Amino acid sequence: MATPFQNKHAFDPRGFGNYLFNVTEVDPANPGDAKPISSFTKKGLERLMAKHGVQNEINLDKDKETLPNIVDAVLSHYKETGILKGILLPFITEKSLLQEPDELLYDINKVWLNYGPNGKGGQRNPKPKHILEMIRKWQINLLTVGMARRNSNGEVFVNEGQQRSIAAAILGKTKMCYQCIISDDDAWDPIAYKGENSGKLSQSNVETFESDAIIISNQLEKSKQGPHAELGFDAVQEITKLHPEADEYIHYKMKRILNWNRNYPIEMVNSDAPSKERFSTGHCSNYNQMFDIFETPEYTMNDDRILKSALNFYQQVWSKRALITGDLILFLEFFYYNQDWFYKMSAEDQEYLLIRMKNAIQPVWVDNDTAKAGAGHTAVWKIVQDARKDNYPNKTIDEQQKNGIFYKYASPRVAQCMWIGTALYSLLKARMDKEDADKLVQPFTTTDDGTKITYDALSVV
């Protein structure tokens, strides 16, 4: 395919066109409505890769191969699947701020991978999904030096850094930086590969969350538009140029709402932390579900009022407990389904209603300090799960097929959370005065053909 671009890309001679036009069909100089890959969330990109059938890895079935040919194989896979069609890639246009001494820079045509006998044991296979995730989060200043072996012919065999070398080459880097063992003995390759890739300590999700929050707060403070924790989130997006679905933005927002802007801060802790830490007052150890909550538009609409109301009420009901995300969803679902009337009440009437709700909930789902039964030491959602067995189909394959209507039409929020909301609805309906109970909205979902589905009441009282 002829290409109209002037800027030369490293892979022009290999048939992919300037700036990989045959793969993306996007002119980076005039991208039009092409979607930047950086605007995808991690989950959004994962869904797109699943839709297009992008493989976890490509088995080259070769003992050794050059980096350009490996990159071509990865690009061919992207072209065949169509994953990058209409996607704008962050092509390299600036020099890295990292030191790259000339003696450590090697032309990509001199770079090889030693995969071992029959392509096994010497190196990982190329990982197309992982490479796309690297490209999604690409920053040239974080392309660190790799480890390799250089032989007497000047050929460089990468032992650590293959996936980022592929990503960098796709984005136009023609020279790679490696610290090399100088040897003709290729027995060094599997030794170095194993040594560099075994037992590495990865950053946990919570550690990434904390890092992102600090990075963005520093960026906002440098903008000198006021204390970062007092800026509106629209202003945060404008200053940082982050998409509202970007992981970094969601992490910063989580830190603000859970911690920096709360009277009683909530700390995220690792899921493998000691139980005393995980279940301490004001701690939350379920990062994944908390991230999902902040990523759910039904909970974050109208300036996050549902999310903030649920967090506040949780701490009123269970002031001494850790924050259990499954139990937080009880209240998220309440405020979601009842928002049309609840937020029309005066602040005083809202406060009195929540006191009555708290009085209805606590004798059944108690605080840690008040009893050893019920929710004292067991998450409420687990108690509800036991109670729903006779009312709600279990999520086995057979039950999903038998009761497919409950799963087929539901969004992830409804499918995972509606039964929890139904439990709170059932409890409040049974324990609150009729005047309050009559206002409550039963959780429901609507199918594509307009059919309204509600779940049976759960016996939780």
Protein backbone atom coordinates (compact mmCIF):
# COMPACT_ATOMS: atom_id res chain seq x y z
CA MET A 1 0.00 0.00 0.00
CA ALA A 2 1.40 3.38 -0.94
CA THR A 3 1.82 5.75 1.94
CA PRO A 4 1.73 9.55 1.83
CA PHE A 5 4.10 10.32 4.68
CA GLN A 6 7.50 11.91 4.63
CA ASN A 7 8.87 10.84 8.02
CA LYS A 8 10.92 7.68 7.75
CA HIS A 9 10.08 4.87 10.14
CA ALA A 10 12.50 2.12 11.14
CA PHE A 11 10.38 -0.53 9.44
CA ASP A 12 9.72 1.11 6.08
CA PRO A 13 11.79 -1.51 4.19
CA ARG A 14 9.77 -4.35 5.72
CA GLY A 15 6.50 -3.49 4.01
CA PHE A 16 4.58 -1.95 6.90
CA GLY A 17 4.82 1.55 5.49
CA ASN A 18 5.82 4.83 7.08
CA TYR A 19 4.66 4.93 10.70
CA LEU A 20 3.14 1.43 10.23
CA PHE A 21 0.34 2.80 8.06
CA ASN A 22 -0.62 -0.67 6.83
CA VAL A 23 -1.16 -1.78 10.42
CA THR A 24 -2.93 1.24 11.91
CA GLU A 25 -4.22 3.04 8.76
CA VAL A 26 -3.61 6.23 10.72
CA ASP A 27 -1.45 9.18 9.61
CA PRO A 28 0.09 10.45 12.87
CA ALA A 29 0.44 13.93 11.35
CA ASN A 30 -3.30 14.01 10.61
CA PRO A 31 -4.87 11.45 12.93
CA GLY A 32 -8.44 12.69 12.53
CA ASP A 33 -10.71 10.77 14.90
CA ALA A 34 -8.16 8.01 15.53
CA LYS A 35 -8.16 6.95 19.18
CA PRO A 36 -4.82 7.27 21.00
CA ILE A 37 -3.87 3.96 22.57
CA SER A 38 -3.01 5.91 25.73
CA SER A 39 -6.70 6.81 26.16
CA PHE A 40 -7.66 3.19 26.81
CA THR A 41 -7.94 1.93 30.35
CA LYS A 42 -6.09 -1.27 31.13
CA LYS A 43 -9.39 -3.16 31.17
CA GLY A 44 -10.58 -1.40 28.03
CA LEU A 45 -7.49 -2.50 26.13
CA GLU A 46 -7.84 -6.02 27.53
CA ARG A 47 -11.43 -6.17 26.24
CA LEU A 48 -10.34 -4.91 22.81
CA MET A 49 -7.53 -7.49 22.64
CA ALA A 50 -9.96 -10.26 23.60
CA LYS A 51 -12.41 -9.10 20.93
CA HIS A 52 -9.73 -9.20 18.23
CA GLY A 53 -8.16 -12.44 19.41
CA VAL A 54 -4.72 -11.05 20.23
CA GLN A 55 -2.49 -13.86 21.48
CA ASN A 56 -0.65 -13.91 24.77
CA GLU A 57 2.51 -15.02 22.98
CA ILE A 58 3.87 -15.93 19.56
CA ASN A 59 5.89 -19.11 19.29
CA LEU A 60 8.57 -18.48 16.67
CA ASP A 61 9.86 -22.08 16.81
CA LYS A 62 13.42 -20.85 16.19
CA ASP A 63 16.62 -21.19 18.15
CA LYS A 64 17.72 -17.65 17.27
CA GLU A 65 16.13 -14.70 15.50
CA THR A 66 16.91 -11.04 14.80
CA LEU A 67 15.00 -8.30 16.58
CA PRO A 68 13.68 -6.80 13.28
CA ASN A 69 12.23 -10.17 12.24
CA ILE A 70 10.70 -10.67 15.69
CA VAL A 71 9.10 -7.23 15.52
CA ASP A 72 7.79 -8.03 12.04
CA ALA A 73 6.16 -11.19 13.44
CA VAL A 74 4.45 -9.18 16.19
CA LEU A 75 3.31 -6.49 13.74
CA SER A 76 1.99 -9.15 11.35
CA HIS A 77 -0.09 -10.54 14.20
CA TYR A 78 -1.46 -7.08 14.98
CA LYS A 79 -2.28 -6.56 11.30
CA GLU A 80 -4.00 -9.95 11.01
CA THR A 81 -6.14 -9.35 14.09
CA GLY A 82 -6.91 -5.70 13.26
CA ILE A 83 -6.29 -4.69 16.85
CA LEU A 84 -4.49 -1.45 15.90
CA LYS A 85 -6.73 -0.35 13.04
CA GLY A 86 -7.73 3.25 13.70
CA ILE A 87 -5.46 3.47 16.74
CA LEU A 88 -2.89 6.26 17.13
CA LEU A 89 0.43 5.04 18.53
CA PRO A 90 2.81 7.25 20.56
CA PHE A 91 5.65 7.31 18.04
CA ILE A 92 8.98 8.43 19.42
CA THR A 93 9.71 12.06 18.55
CA GLU A 94 12.04 13.10 21.35
CA LYS A 95 15.33 12.00 22.85
CA SER A 96 15.24 10.24 26.18
CA LEU A 97 16.49 12.12 29.24
CA LEU A 98 18.14 8.88 30.39
CA GLN A 99 21.86 8.53 29.79
CA GLU A 100 22.53 6.43 26.70
CA PRO A 101 26.30 6.21 26.20
CA ASP A 102 27.28 5.56 22.59
CA GLU A 103 29.22 2.46 23.60
CA LEU A 104 25.97 0.91 24.92
CA LEU A 105 23.83 1.76 21.88
CA TYR A 106 23.37 -0.94 19.24
CA ASP A 107 21.63 -0.79 15.86
CA ILE A 108 18.50 -2.97 15.82
CA ASN A 109 19.88 -4.88 12.84
CA LYS A 110 22.65 -6.17 15.12
CA VAL A 111 20.26 -7.29 17.86
CA TRP A 112 19.28 -10.96 18.26
CA LEU A 113 17.34 -13.19 20.63
CA ASN A 114 18.61 -16.63 21.63
CA TYR A 115 15.47 -18.67 22.40
CA GLY A 116 17.33 -21.90 23.12
CA PRO A 117 17.16 -25.34 21.49
CA ASN A 118 13.86 -25.72 19.64
CA GLY A 119 12.94 -22.24 20.85
CA LYS A 120 12.69 -23.21 24.51
CA GLY A 121 14.53 -22.35 27.71
CA GLY A 122 16.69 -19.49 26.53
CA GLN A 123 14.20 -16.62 26.49
CA ARG A 124 10.50 -15.86 26.69
CA ASN A 125 8.49 -15.79 23.47
CA PRO A 126 7.28 -12.39 22.21
CA LYS A 127 4.17 -11.36 24.17
CA PRO A 128 1.81 -9.30 21.93
CA LYS A 129 -0.64 -8.45 24.72
CA HIS A 130 2.10 -7.36 27.10
CA ILE A 131 3.74 -5.29 24.37
CA LEU A 132 0.49 -3.42 23.67
CA GLU A 133 0.12 -2.68 27.38
CA MET A 134 3.68 -1.30 27.35
CA ILE A 135 2.80 0.89 24.36
CA ARG A 136 -0.39 2.07 26.10
CA LYS A 137 1.68 3.37 29.03
CA TRP A 138 4.71 4.40 26.94
CA GLN A 139 7.16 6.96 28.26
CA ILE A 140 10.48 7.31 26.44
CA ASN A 141 12.20 8.44 29.65
CA LEU A 142 11.36 5.10 31.28
CA LEU A 143 12.97 2.95 28.56
CA THR A 144 15.77 1.65 30.76
CA VAL A 145 18.92 -0.17 29.66
CA GLY A 146 18.59 -3.89 28.98
CA MET A 147 21.05 -6.72 29.54
CA ALA A 148 22.65 -8.62 26.66
CA ARG A 149 25.72 -10.50 25.41
CA ARG A 150 27.90 -9.17 22.57
CA ASN A 151 30.00 -11.59 20.54
CA SER A 152 33.16 -10.93 18.54
CA ASN A 153 31.08 -10.29 15.39
CA GLY A 154 29.33 -7.38 17.08
CA GLU A 155 26.03 -9.27 17.36
CA VAL A 156 24.06 -8.52 20.52
CA PHE A 157 21.86 -11.19 22.13
CA VAL A 158 19.22 -9.73 24.48
CA ASN A 159 18.81 -11.54 27.80
CA GLU A 160 16.66 -8.99 29.62
CA GLY A 161 14.49 -6.39 27.91
CA GLN A 162 13.06 -8.25 24.89
CA GLN A 163 9.45 -7.04 25.23
CA ARG A 164 10.36 -3.39 25.73
CA SER A 165 12.86 -3.61 22.86
CA ILE A 166 10.03 -4.80 20.59
CA ALA A 167 7.75 -2.00 21.83
CA ALA A 168 10.48 0.62 21.31
CA ALA A 169 11.23 -0.67 17.80
CA ILE A 170 7.55 -0.53 16.84
CA LEU A 171 7.47 3.09 17.96
CA GLY A 172 10.49 4.00 15.84
CA LYS A 173 13.63 3.56 17.95
CA THR A 174 16.48 2.34 15.76
CA LYS A 175 19.20 1.95 18.39
CA MET A 176 18.79 0.06 21.65
CA CYS A 177 20.75 0.49 24.85
CA TYR A 178 22.15 -2.67 26.48
CA GLN A 179 24.80 -3.42 29.06
CA CYS A 180 26.61 -6.39 27.55
CA ILE A 181 28.59 -9.40 28.64
CA ILE A 182 31.44 -9.66 26.12
CA SER A 183 31.62 -13.33 25.12
CA ASP A 184 31.25 -15.72 22.19
CA ASP A 185 29.88 -18.39 24.52
CA ASP A 186 26.11 -18.48 24.08
CA ALA A 187 25.81 -20.57 27.24
CA TRP A 188 25.76 -17.20 28.99
CA ASP A 189 22.36 -16.37 27.47
CA PRO A 190 20.09 -18.71 29.49
CA ILE A 191 22.16 -18.04 32.62
CA ALA A 192 21.71 -14.27 32.30
CA TYR A 193 18.06 -14.64 31.27
CA LYS A 194 17.25 -16.74 34.33
CA GLY A 195 19.25 -14.54 36.66
CA GLU A 196 17.58 -11.36 35.49
CA ASN A 197 14.02 -12.72 35.34
CA SER A 198 13.77 -15.02 38.38
CA GLY A 199 12.51 -13.84 41.74
CA LYS A 200 11.85 -10.24 40.73
CA LEU A 201 9.65 -8.26 43.10
CA SER A 202 6.91 -6.54 41.12
CA GLN A 203 5.15 -3.41 42.27
CA SER A 204 1.81 -4.26 43.84
CA ASN A 205 -1.42 -2.63 42.64
CA VAL A 206 -1.63 -0.66 45.86
CA GLU A 207 1.94 0.57 45.45
CA THR A 208 1.13 1.65 41.88
CA PHE A 209 -1.97 3.44 43.14
CA GLU A 210 0.04 5.34 45.75
CA SER A 211 2.77 6.24 43.24
CA ASP A 212 0.26 7.59 40.70
CA ALA A 213 -1.43 9.71 43.37
CA ILE A 214 1.90 11.27 44.39
CA ILE A 215 3.02 11.84 40.79
CA ILE A 216 -0.19 13.65 39.86
CA SER A 217 -0.32 15.67 43.09
CA ASN A 218 3.24 16.87 42.37
CA GLN A 219 2.27 17.79 38.82
CA LEU A 220 -0.76 19.72 40.06
CA GLU A 221 1.23 21.59 42.70
CA LYS A 222 3.75 22.65 40.05
CA SER A 223 0.90 24.17 38.02
CA LYS A 224 0.49 26.70 40.87
CA GLN A 225 -3.29 26.76 40.52
CA GLY A 226 -3.84 26.17 44.22
CA PRO A 227 -3.52 23.24 46.63
CA HIS A 228 -4.08 20.12 44.55
CA ALA A 229 -6.61 18.60 46.97
CA GLU A 230 -8.84 21.66 46.57
CA LEU A 231 -8.91 21.61 42.76
CA GLY A 232 -12.03 20.34 40.99
CA PHE A 233 -11.57 17.11 39.10
CA ASP A 234 -12.32 18.87 35.80
CA ALA A 235 -9.35 21.13 36.50
CA VAL A 236 -7.23 18.08 37.33
CA GLN A 237 -8.01 16.57 33.93
CA GLU A 238 -7.28 19.85 32.18
CA ILE A 239 -3.89 20.28 33.86
CA THR A 240 -2.75 16.66 33.56
CA LYS A 241 -4.31 16.04 30.11
CA LEU A 242 -5.46 12.68 31.44
CA HIS A 243 -8.54 10.93 30.08
CA PRO A 244 -11.16 10.36 32.84
CA GLU A 245 -10.79 6.60 32.33
CA ALA A 246 -6.99 6.63 32.61
CA ASP A 247 -5.67 4.46 35.43
CA GLU A 248 -3.51 7.30 36.75
CA TYR A 249 -6.46 9.68 36.97
CA ILE A 250 -8.65 7.09 38.72
CA HIS A 251 -5.83 6.38 41.19
CA TYR A 252 -5.49 10.07 42.02
CA LYS A 253 -9.25 10.40 42.41
CA MET A 254 -9.31 7.35 44.68
CA LYS A 255 -6.63 8.85 46.89
CA ARG A 256 -8.46 12.17 47.12
CA ILE A 257 -11.88 10.74 47.95
CA LEU A 258 -10.73 7.90 50.18
CA ASN A 259 -8.00 9.71 52.03
CA TRP A 260 -6.89 13.26 51.39
CA ASN A 261 -10.38 14.79 51.41
CA ARG A 262 -11.92 12.64 54.17
CA ASN A 263 -12.34 13.41 57.87
CA TYR A 264 -11.79 9.72 58.62
CA PRO A 265 -9.25 8.61 55.99
CA ILE A 266 -9.36 5.17 54.39
CA GLU A 267 -6.01 3.55 53.63
CA MET A 268 -5.56 1.00 50.86
CA VAL A 269 -3.31 -1.90 51.93
CA ASN A 270 -1.96 -4.92 50.10
CA SER A 271 -4.16 -8.01 50.03
CA ASP A 272 -1.28 -10.11 51.40
CA ALA A 273 -0.67 -7.78 54.36
CA PRO A 274 -0.99 -9.30 57.85
CA SER A 275 -4.62 -9.80 58.86
CA LYS A 276 -4.27 -7.31 61.71
CA GLU A 277 -3.42 -4.63 59.15
CA ARG A 278 -6.00 -5.68 56.57
CA PHE A 279 -8.85 -5.66 59.08
CA SER A 280 -7.88 -2.55 61.01
CA THR A 281 -10.30 0.35 61.24
CA GLY A 282 -10.22 2.47 58.12
CA HIS A 283 -8.18 0.02 56.06
CA CYS A 284 -9.25 -1.58 52.76
CA SER A 285 -7.39 -4.50 51.20
CA ASN A 286 -9.51 -5.16 48.09
CA TYR A 287 -7.81 -2.88 45.58
CA ASN A 288 -9.32 -4.56 42.52
CA GLN A 289 -12.93 -4.11 43.56
CA MET A 290 -12.30 -0.60 44.85
CA PHE A 291 -10.82 0.34 41.47
CA ASP A 292 -13.87 -1.21 39.77
CA ILE A 293 -16.14 0.91 41.97
CA PHE A 294 -14.34 4.12 41.00
CA GLU A 295 -14.48 3.02 37.35
CA THR A 296 -18.27 2.47 37.44
CA PRO A 297 -20.13 5.47 35.96
CA GLU A 298 -23.36 4.61 37.82
CA TYR A 299 -21.50 5.30 41.07
CA THR A 300 -19.47 8.34 39.98
CA MET A 301 -22.18 10.33 38.17
CA ASN A 302 -23.17 13.76 39.48
CA ASP A 303 -19.79 14.60 41.00
CA ASP A 304 -19.45 11.25 42.76
CA ARG A 305 -22.36 11.90 45.10
CA ILE A 306 -23.42 8.24 45.28
CA LEU A 307 -19.87 7.13 46.02
CA LYS A 308 -19.35 9.79 48.69
CA SER A 309 -22.72 9.09 50.32
CA ALA A 310 -21.99 5.36 50.47
CA LEU A 311 -18.55 5.86 52.00
CA ASN A 312 -19.89 8.26 54.61
CA PHE A 313 -22.77 5.99 55.56
CA TYR A 314 -20.52 2.93 55.76
CA GLN A 315 -18.36 4.68 58.33
CA GLN A 316 -21.46 5.70 60.28
CA VAL A 317 -22.83 2.16 60.40
CA TRP A 318 -19.52 0.32 60.93
CA SER A 319 -17.25 2.95 62.44
CA LYS A 320 -14.80 0.40 63.90
CA ARG A 321 -14.54 -1.98 60.95
CA ALA A 322 -12.19 -2.19 58.03
CA LEU A 323 -13.77 -1.14 54.76
CA ILE A 324 -15.08 -4.27 53.02
CA THR A 325 -15.82 -3.36 49.41
CA GLY A 326 -18.55 -5.99 49.06
CA ASP A 327 -20.34 -4.39 52.00
CA LEU A 328 -19.77 -0.89 50.63
CA ILE A 329 -21.70 -2.04 47.56
CA LEU A 330 -24.78 -2.53 49.78
CA PHE A 331 -24.92 1.22 50.20
CA LEU A 332 -23.75 2.12 46.70
CA GLU A 333 -26.71 0.17 45.35
CA PHE A 334 -29.10 1.83 47.79
CA PHE A 335 -28.07 5.35 46.79
CA TYR A 336 -28.06 4.40 43.11
CA TYR A 337 -31.62 3.05 43.05
CA ASN A 338 -33.05 5.65 45.44
CA GLN A 339 -31.25 8.73 44.17
CA ASP A 340 -34.31 10.24 42.44
CA TRP A 341 -36.02 10.92 45.76
CA PHE A 342 -33.20 10.81 48.31
CA TYR A 343 -31.17 13.73 46.91
CA LYS A 344 -34.31 15.88 46.62
CA MET A 345 -34.65 15.84 50.41
CA SER A 346 -33.12 18.53 52.57
CA ALA A 347 -29.77 17.77 54.16
CA GLU A 348 -31.49 17.52 57.54
CA ASP A 349 -34.11 15.05 56.27
CA GLN A 350 -31.38 12.97 54.61
CA GLU A 351 -29.49 12.84 57.91
CA TYR A 352 -32.55 11.68 59.88
CA LEU A 353 -33.41 9.02 57.29
CA LEU A 354 -29.88 7.64 57.44
CA ILE A 355 -30.08 7.47 61.23
CA ARG A 356 -33.27 5.40 60.91
CA MET A 357 -31.56 3.19 58.34
CA LYS A 358 -28.58 2.71 60.63
CA ASN A 359 -30.91 1.72 63.48
CA ALA A 360 -32.55 -0.83 61.21
CA ILE A 361 -29.27 -2.31 60.00
CA GLN A 362 -27.09 -2.55 63.09
CA PRO A 363 -29.14 -5.07 65.15
CA VAL A 364 -28.86 -7.52 62.23
CA TRP A 365 -25.51 -6.60 60.69
CA VAL A 366 -23.61 -5.52 63.76
CA ASP A 367 -20.46 -3.52 64.40
CA ASN A 368 -17.21 -5.32 65.31
CA ASP A 369 -17.35 -4.07 68.90
CA THR A 370 -20.94 -5.08 69.65
CA ALA A 371 -21.04 -8.82 69.01
CA LYS A 372 -19.16 -11.86 67.79
CA ALA A 373 -22.00 -13.06 65.59
CA GLY A 374 -23.49 -11.74 62.37
CA ALA A 375 -21.27 -9.23 60.63
CA GLY A 376 -19.04 -8.79 63.63
CA HIS A 377 -16.34 -10.96 62.10
CA THR A 378 -17.89 -11.93 58.79
CA ALA A 379 -18.44 -9.68 55.78
CA VAL A 380 -22.14 -8.94 55.30
CA TRP A 381 -21.99 -9.88 51.64
CA LYS A 382 -20.97 -13.41 52.66
CA ILE A 383 -23.95 -13.65 55.01
CA VAL A 384 -26.18 -12.41 52.20
CA GLN A 385 -24.64 -14.89 49.79
CA ASP A 386 -25.65 -17.73 52.10
CA ALA A 387 -29.16 -16.32 52.41
CA ARG A 388 -29.64 -15.97 48.66
CA LYS A 389 -29.08 -19.61 47.79
CA ASP A 390 -32.79 -20.39 47.73
CA ASN A 391 -33.68 -17.16 45.95
CA TYR A 392 -30.94 -16.46 43.48
CA PRO A 393 -29.20 -18.85 41.05
CA ASN A 394 -25.67 -19.79 42.00
CA LYS A 395 -23.03 -18.88 39.44
CA THR A 396 -22.24 -22.36 38.21
CA ILE A 397 -22.21 -23.09 34.48
CA ASP A 398 -25.38 -25.20 34.78
CA GLU A 399 -27.19 -22.52 36.75
CA GLN A 400 -26.08 -19.81 34.34
CA GLN A 401 -27.51 -21.80 31.45
CA LYS A 402 -30.68 -22.58 33.37
CA ASN A 403 -31.15 -18.99 34.51
CA GLY A 404 -29.46 -17.23 31.61
CA ILE A 405 -31.83 -14.27 31.71
CA PHE A 406 -30.22 -13.19 34.98
CA TYR A 407 -26.79 -12.99 33.34
CA LYS A 408 -27.26 -12.32 29.65
CA TYR A 409 -28.71 -8.84 29.93
CA ALA A 410 -26.97 -7.59 33.03
CA SER A 411 -24.10 -5.15 33.09
CA PRO A 412 -21.11 -6.16 35.23
CA ARG A 413 -22.40 -3.89 37.99
CA VAL A 414 -25.87 -5.43 37.98
CA ALA A 415 -24.66 -9.00 37.57
CA GLN A 416 -22.25 -8.73 40.48
CA CYS A 417 -24.03 -6.34 42.80
CA MET A 418 -27.79 -6.41 42.30
CA TRP A 419 -28.32 -9.30 44.69
CA ILE A 420 -26.44 -7.34 47.36
CA GLY A 421 -28.66 -4.32 46.80
CA THR A 422 -31.71 -6.58 46.97
CA ALA A 423 -30.59 -7.85 50.38
CA LEU A 424 -30.42 -4.34 51.85
CA TYR A 425 -33.76 -3.49 50.22
CA SER A 426 -35.32 -6.58 51.82
CA LEU A 427 -33.91 -5.81 55.27
CA LEU A 428 -34.98 -2.16 55.23
CA LYS A 429 -38.40 -3.06 53.88
CA ALA A 430 -38.92 -5.41 56.79
CA ARG A 431 -37.46 -3.29 59.58
CA MET A 432 -38.27 0.33 58.75
CA ASP A 433 -41.55 2.14 59.37
CA LYS A 434 -44.05 1.96 56.52
CA GLU A 435 -43.59 5.63 55.64
CA ASP A 436 -39.89 5.04 54.97
CA ALA A 437 -40.28 1.54 53.53
CA ASP A 438 -42.80 2.72 50.92
CA LYS A 439 -40.18 5.06 49.43
CA LEU A 440 -37.64 2.33 48.80
CA VAL A 441 -36.96 1.32 45.21
CA GLN A 442 -36.44 -2.38 44.59
CA PRO A 443 -33.29 -3.08 42.56
CA PHE A 444 -34.06 -3.97 38.96
CA THR A 445 -32.52 -4.25 35.54
CA THR A 446 -33.99 -3.79 32.09
CA THR A 447 -33.29 -6.15 29.20
CA ASP A 448 -32.60 -5.03 25.65
CA ASP A 449 -36.25 -5.58 24.72
CA GLY A 450 -37.45 -3.41 27.62
CA THR A 451 -38.35 -6.22 30.04
CA LYS A 452 -37.93 -5.17 33.66
CA ILE A 453 -36.36 -7.85 35.88
CA THR A 454 -36.35 -7.81 39.67
CA TYR A 455 -34.99 -10.42 42.05
CA ASP A 456 -37.04 -12.05 44.78
CA ALA A 457 -36.68 -10.69 48.28
CA LEU A 458 -33.95 -12.31 50.34
CA SER A 459 -34.60 -13.65 53.84
CA VAL A 460 -31.95 -11.75 55.75
CA VAL A 461 -33.84 -10.59 58.84
